[in-house]
């Protein structure tokens, strides 16, 4: 496999306001499930759960 084939770009969506706030990368070999990260939402002005979207 080439260097960039293992990592894919994913978009994170805020669970309260439903806006897509962040773009990050994840290793699709090690992390098959959708990721959930607690991150800052600038529209809600608090830390909320952000879930991976497709």
PDB file of N, CA and C in Angstrom:
ATOM      1  N   UNK A   1       0.821  -1.184   0.000  1.00  0.00           N
ATOM      2  CA  UNK A   1       0.000   0.000   0.000  1.00  0.00           C
ATOM      3  C   UNK A   1       0.867   1.249   0.000  1.00  0.00           C
ATOM      4  N   UNK A   2       0.399   2.257  -0.667  1.00  0.00           N
ATOM      5  CA  UNK A   2       1.110   3.523  -0.682  1.00  0.00           C
ATOM      6  C   UNK A   2       0.897   4.257   0.646  1.00  0.00           C
ATOM      7  N   UNK A   3       1.620   5.314   0.826  1.00  0.00           N
ATOM      8  CA  UNK A   3       1.592   6.032   2.091  1.00  0.00           C
ATOM      9  C   UNK A   3       0.205   6.583   2.420  1.00  0.00           C
ATOM     10  N   UNK A   4      -0.517   7.131   1.466  1.00  0.00           N
ATOM     11  CA  UNK A   4      -1.770   7.826   1.747  1.00  0.00           C
ATOM     12  C   UNK A   4      -3.019   6.958   1.606  1.00  0.00           C
ATOM     13  N   UNK A   5      -2.888   5.706   1.238  1.00  0.00           N
ATOM     14  CA  UNK A   5      -4.072   4.875   1.051  1.00  0.00           C
ATOM     15  C   UNK A   5      -4.690   4.426   2.363  1.00  0.00           C
ATOM     16  N   UNK A   6      -3.921   4.360   3.435  1.00  0.00           N
ATOM     17  CA  UNK A   6      -4.449   3.908   4.714  1.00  0.00           C
ATOM     18  C   UNK A   6      -5.260   4.983   5.430  1.00  0.00           C
ATOM     19  N   UNK A   7      -4.896   6.224   5.220  1.00  0.00           N
ATOM     20  CA  UNK A   7      -5.587   7.319   5.909  1.00  0.00           C
ATOM     21  C   UNK A   7      -6.599   7.976   4.965  1.00  0.00           C
ATOM     22  N   UNK A   8      -7.791   8.226   5.482  1.00  0.00           N
ATOM     23  CA  UNK A   8      -8.853   8.839   4.689  1.00  0.00           C
ATOM     24  C   UNK A   8      -9.340  10.097   5.404  1.00  0.00           C
ATOM     25  N   UNK A   9      -9.844  11.052   4.636  1.00  0.00           N
ATOM     26  CA  UNK A   9     -10.417  12.266   5.185  1.00  0.00           C
ATOM     27  C   UNK A   9     -11.849  11.994   5.613  1.00  0.00           C
ATOM     28  N   UNK A  10     -12.202  12.433   6.810  1.00  0.00           N
ATOM     29  CA  UNK A  10     -13.563  12.291   7.310  1.00  0.00           C
ATOM     30  C   UNK A  10     -14.052  13.658   7.780  1.00  0.00           C
ATOM     31  N   UNK A  11     -15.350  13.866   7.690  1.00  0.00           N
ATOM     32  CA  UNK A  11     -15.977  15.106   8.130  1.00  0.00           C
ATOM     33  C   UNK A  11     -16.689  14.840   9.445  1.00  0.00           C
ATOM     34  N   UNK A  12     -16.524  15.749  10.405  1.00  0.00           N
ATOM     35  CA  UNK A  12     -17.162  15.613  11.707  1.00  0.00           C
ATOM     36  C   UNK A  12     -18.335  16.573  11.804  1.00  0.00           C
ATOM     37  N   UNK A  13     -19.471  16.045  12.265  1.00  0.00           N
ATOM     38  CA  UNK A  13     -20.701  16.829  12.368  1.00  0.00           C
ATOM     39  C   UNK A  13     -21.088  16.973  13.829  1.00  0.00           C
ATOM     40  N   UNK A  14     -21.447  18.188  14.224  1.00  0.00           N
ATOM     41  CA  UNK A  14     -21.896  18.451  15.584  1.00  0.00           C
ATOM     42  C   UNK A  14     -23.251  17.763  15.802  1.00  0.00           C
ATOM     43  N   UNK A  15     -23.421  17.136  16.956  1.00  0.00           N
ATOM     44  CA  UNK A  15     -24.646  16.407  17.228  1.00  0.00           C
ATOM     45  C   UNK A  15     -25.785  17.302  17.714  1.00  0.00           C
ATOM     46  N   UNK A  16     -25.488  18.521  18.143  1.00  0.00           N
ATOM     47  CA  UNK A  16     -26.555  19.406  18.609  1.00  0.00           C
ATOM     48  C   UNK A  16     -27.052  20.340  17.512  1.00  0.00           C
ATOM     49  N   UNK A  17     -26.133  20.979  16.782  1.00  0.00           N
ATOM     50  CA  UNK A  17     -26.566  21.931  15.750  1.00  0.00           C
ATOM     51  C   UNK A  17     -26.559  21.318  14.351  1.00  0.00           C
ATOM     52  N   UNK A  18     -25.991  20.112  14.193  1.00  0.00           N
ATOM     53  CA  UNK A  18     -25.970  19.366  12.926  1.00  0.00           C
ATOM     54  C   UNK A  18     -25.155  20.051  11.830  1.00  0.00           C
ATOM     55  N   UNK A  19     -24.218  20.912  12.212  1.00  0.00           N
ATOM     56  CA  UNK A  19     -23.340  21.538  11.231  1.00  0.00           C
ATOM     57  C   UNK A  19     -22.066  20.744  11.114  1.00  0.00           C
ATOM     58  N   UNK A  20     -21.488  20.738   9.940  1.00  0.00           N
ATOM     59  CA  UNK A  20     -20.242  20.018   9.702  1.00  0.00           C
ATOM     60  C   UNK A  20     -19.091  20.979   9.948  1.00  0.00           C
ATOM     61  N   UNK A  21     -18.453  20.841  11.107  1.00  0.00           N
ATOM     62  CA  UNK A  21     -17.480  21.815  11.578  1.00  0.00           C
ATOM     63  C   UNK A  21     -16.035  21.460  11.269  1.00  0.00           C
ATOM     64  N   UNK A  22     -15.690  20.192  11.282  1.00  0.00           N
ATOM     65  CA  UNK A  22     -14.295  19.789  11.204  1.00  0.00           C
ATOM     66  C   UNK A  22     -14.066  18.760  10.101  1.00  0.00           C
ATOM     67  N   UNK A  23     -12.861  18.780   9.535  1.00  0.00           N
ATOM     68  CA  UNK A  23     -12.391  17.742   8.619  1.00  0.00           C
ATOM     69  C   UNK A  23     -11.090  17.215   9.203  1.00  0.00           C
ATOM     70  N   UNK A  24     -10.988  15.913   9.344  1.00  0.00           N
ATOM     71  CA  UNK A  24      -9.805  15.292   9.918  1.00  0.00           C
ATOM     72  C   UNK A  24      -9.494  14.021   9.154  1.00  0.00           C
ATOM     73  N   UNK A  25      -8.433  13.334   9.531  1.00  0.00           N
ATOM     74  CA  UNK A  25      -8.086  12.075   8.892  1.00  0.00           C
ATOM     75  C   UNK A  25      -8.137  10.963   9.920  1.00  0.00           C
ATOM     76  N   UNK A  26      -8.402   9.755   9.438  1.00  0.00           N
ATOM     77  CA  UNK A  26      -8.355   8.596  10.310  1.00  0.00           C
ATOM     78  C   UNK A  26      -7.754   7.435   9.540  1.00  0.00           C
ATOM     79  N   UNK A  27      -7.215   6.481  10.263  1.00  0.00           N
ATOM     80  CA  UNK A  27      -6.641   5.293   9.674  1.00  0.00           C
ATOM     81  C   UNK A  27      -7.760   4.277   9.475  1.00  0.00           C
ATOM     82  N   UNK A  28      -8.111   3.985   8.237  1.00  0.00           N
ATOM     83  CA  UNK A  28      -9.236   3.087   7.979  1.00  0.00           C
ATOM     84  C   UNK A  28      -8.911   1.626   8.254  1.00  0.00           C
ATOM     85  N   UNK A  29      -7.636   1.287   8.390  1.00  0.00           N
ATOM     86  CA  UNK A  29      -7.251  -0.080   8.729  1.00  0.00           C
ATOM     87  C   UNK A  29      -7.492  -0.339  10.219  1.00  0.00           C
ATOM     88  N   UNK A  30      -7.098   0.604  11.072  1.00  0.00           N
ATOM     89  CA  UNK A  30      -7.231   0.428  12.523  1.00  0.00           C
ATOM     90  C   UNK A  30      -8.595   0.821  13.049  1.00  0.00           C
ATOM     91  N   UNK A  31      -9.228   1.837  12.469  1.00  0.00           N
ATOM     92  CA  UNK A  31     -10.512   2.361  12.963  1.00  0.00           C
ATOM     93  C   UNK A  31     -11.588   2.146  11.909  1.00  0.00           C
ATOM     94  N   UNK A  32     -12.248   1.022  11.952  1.00  0.00           N
ATOM     95  CA  UNK A  32     -13.289   0.716  10.978  1.00  0.00           C
ATOM     96  C   UNK A  32     -14.602   1.434  11.295  1.00  0.00           C
ATOM     97  N   UNK A  33     -14.923   1.610  12.578  1.00  0.00           N
ATOM     98  CA  UNK A  33     -16.182   2.237  12.964  1.00  0.00           C
ATOM     99  C   UNK A  33     -16.107   3.753  12.806  1.00  0.00           C
ATOM    100  N   UNK A  34     -17.264   4.379  12.869  1.00  0.00           N
ATOM    101  CA  UNK A  34     -17.306   5.840  12.822  1.00  0.00           C
ATOM    102  C   UNK A  34     -16.775   6.403  14.132  1.00  0.00           C
ATOM    103  N   UNK A  35     -16.000   7.463  14.021  1.00  0.00           N
ATOM    104  CA  UNK A  35     -15.390   8.030  15.221  1.00  0.00           C
ATOM    105  C   UNK A  35     -16.317   9.080  15.835  1.00  0.00           C
ATOM    106  N   UNK A  36     -16.226   9.226  17.157  1.00  0.00           N
ATOM    107  CA  UNK A  36     -16.945  10.259  17.898  1.00  0.00           C
ATOM    108  C   UNK A  36     -15.942  10.971  18.786  1.00  0.00           C
ATOM    109  N   UNK A  37     -15.868  12.288  18.629  1.00  0.00           N
ATOM    110  CA  UNK A  37     -14.897  13.083  19.377  1.00  0.00           C
ATOM    111  C   UNK A  37     -15.624  14.274  19.987  1.00  0.00           C
ATOM    112  N   UNK A  38     -15.262  14.613  21.210  1.00  0.00           N
ATOM    113  CA  UNK A  38     -15.819  15.797  21.843  1.00  0.00           C
ATOM    114  C   UNK A  38     -14.969  16.993  21.444  1.00  0.00           C
ATOM    115  N   UNK A  39     -15.547  17.911  20.664  1.00  0.00           N
ATOM    116  CA  UNK A  39     -14.816  19.066  20.147  1.00  0.00           C
ATOM    117  C   UNK A  39     -15.648  20.329  20.348  1.00  0.00           C
ATOM    118  N   UNK A  40     -14.998  21.463  20.144  1.00  0.00           N
ATOM    119  CA  UNK A  40     -15.650  22.756  20.345  1.00  0.00           C
ATOM    120  C   UNK A  40     -16.502  23.127  19.133  1.00  0.00           C
ATOM    121  N   UNK A  41     -17.748  23.502  19.373  1.00  0.00           N
ATOM    122  CA  UNK A  41     -18.641  23.995  18.325  1.00  0.00           C
ATOM    123  C   UNK A  41     -18.739  25.508  18.463  1.00  0.00           C
ATOM    124  N   UNK A  42     -18.327  26.235  17.431  1.00  0.00           N
ATOM    125  CA  UNK A  42     -18.302  27.695  17.552  1.00  0.00           C
ATOM    126  C   UNK A  42     -19.682  28.324  17.453  1.00  0.00           C
ATOM    127  N   UNK A  43     -20.668  27.622  16.944  1.00  0.00           N
ATOM    128  CA  UNK A  43     -22.022  28.157  16.900  1.00  0.00           C
ATOM    129  C   UNK A  43     -22.746  27.939  18.223  1.00  0.00           C
ATOM    130  N   UNK A  44     -22.503  26.813  18.861  1.00  0.00           N
ATOM    131  CA  UNK A  44     -23.087  26.539  20.171  1.00  0.00           C
ATOM    132  C   UNK A  44     -22.273  27.153  21.301  1.00  0.00           C
ATOM    133  N   UNK A  45     -20.984  27.407  21.037  1.00  0.00           N
ATOM    134  CA  UNK A  45     -20.037  27.981  22.001  1.00  0.00           C
ATOM    135  C   UNK A  45     -19.805  27.089  23.215  1.00  0.00           C
ATOM    136  N   UNK A  46     -19.869  25.778  22.998  1.00  0.00           N
ATOM    137  CA  UNK A  46     -19.555  24.795  24.031  1.00  0.00           C
ATOM    138  C   UNK A  46     -18.896  23.595  23.372  1.00  0.00           C
ATOM    139  N   UNK A  47     -18.322  22.710  24.169  1.00  0.00           N
ATOM    140  CA  UNK A  47     -17.790  21.460  23.656  1.00  0.00           C
ATOM    141  C   UNK A  47     -18.939  20.466  23.516  1.00  0.00           C
ATOM    142  N   UNK A  48     -19.080  19.876  22.332  1.00  0.00           N
ATOM    143  CA  UNK A  48     -20.141  18.917  22.073  1.00  0.00           C
ATOM    144  C   UNK A  48     -19.557  17.691  21.386  1.00  0.00           C
ATOM    145  N   UNK A  49     -20.346  16.650  21.313  1.00  0.00           N
ATOM    146  CA  UNK A  49     -19.914  15.446  20.601  1.00  0.00           C
ATOM    147  C   UNK A  49     -20.019  15.679  19.111  1.00  0.00           C
ATOM    148  N   UNK A  50     -18.979  15.284  18.392  1.00  0.00           N
ATOM    149  CA  UNK A  50     -18.955  15.373  16.931  1.00  0.00           C
ATOM    150  C   UNK A  50     -18.798  13.961  16.396  1.00  0.00           C
ATOM    151  N   UNK A  51     -19.655  13.595  15.441  1.00  0.00           N
ATOM    152  CA  UNK A  51     -19.659  12.244  14.891  1.00  0.00           C
ATOM    153  C   UNK A  51     -19.253  12.287  13.417  1.00  0.00           C
ATOM    154  N   UNK A  52     -18.591  11.248  12.990  1.00  0.00           N
ATOM    155  CA  UNK A  52     -18.148  11.148  11.598  1.00  0.00           C
ATOM    156  C   UNK A  52     -19.342  10.985  10.668  1.00  0.00           C
ATOM    157  N   UNK A  53     -19.328  11.722   9.556  1.00  0.00           N
ATOM    158  CA  UNK A  53     -20.360  11.587   8.526  1.00  0.00           C
ATOM    159  C   UNK A  53     -19.744  10.976   7.278  1.00  0.00           C
ATOM    160  N   UNK A  54     -20.563  10.493   6.399  1.00  0.00           N
ATOM    161  CA  UNK A  54     -20.059   9.856   5.172  1.00  0.00           C
ATOM    162  C   UNK A  54     -20.179  10.800   4.003  1.00  0.00           C
TER     163      UNK A  54
END
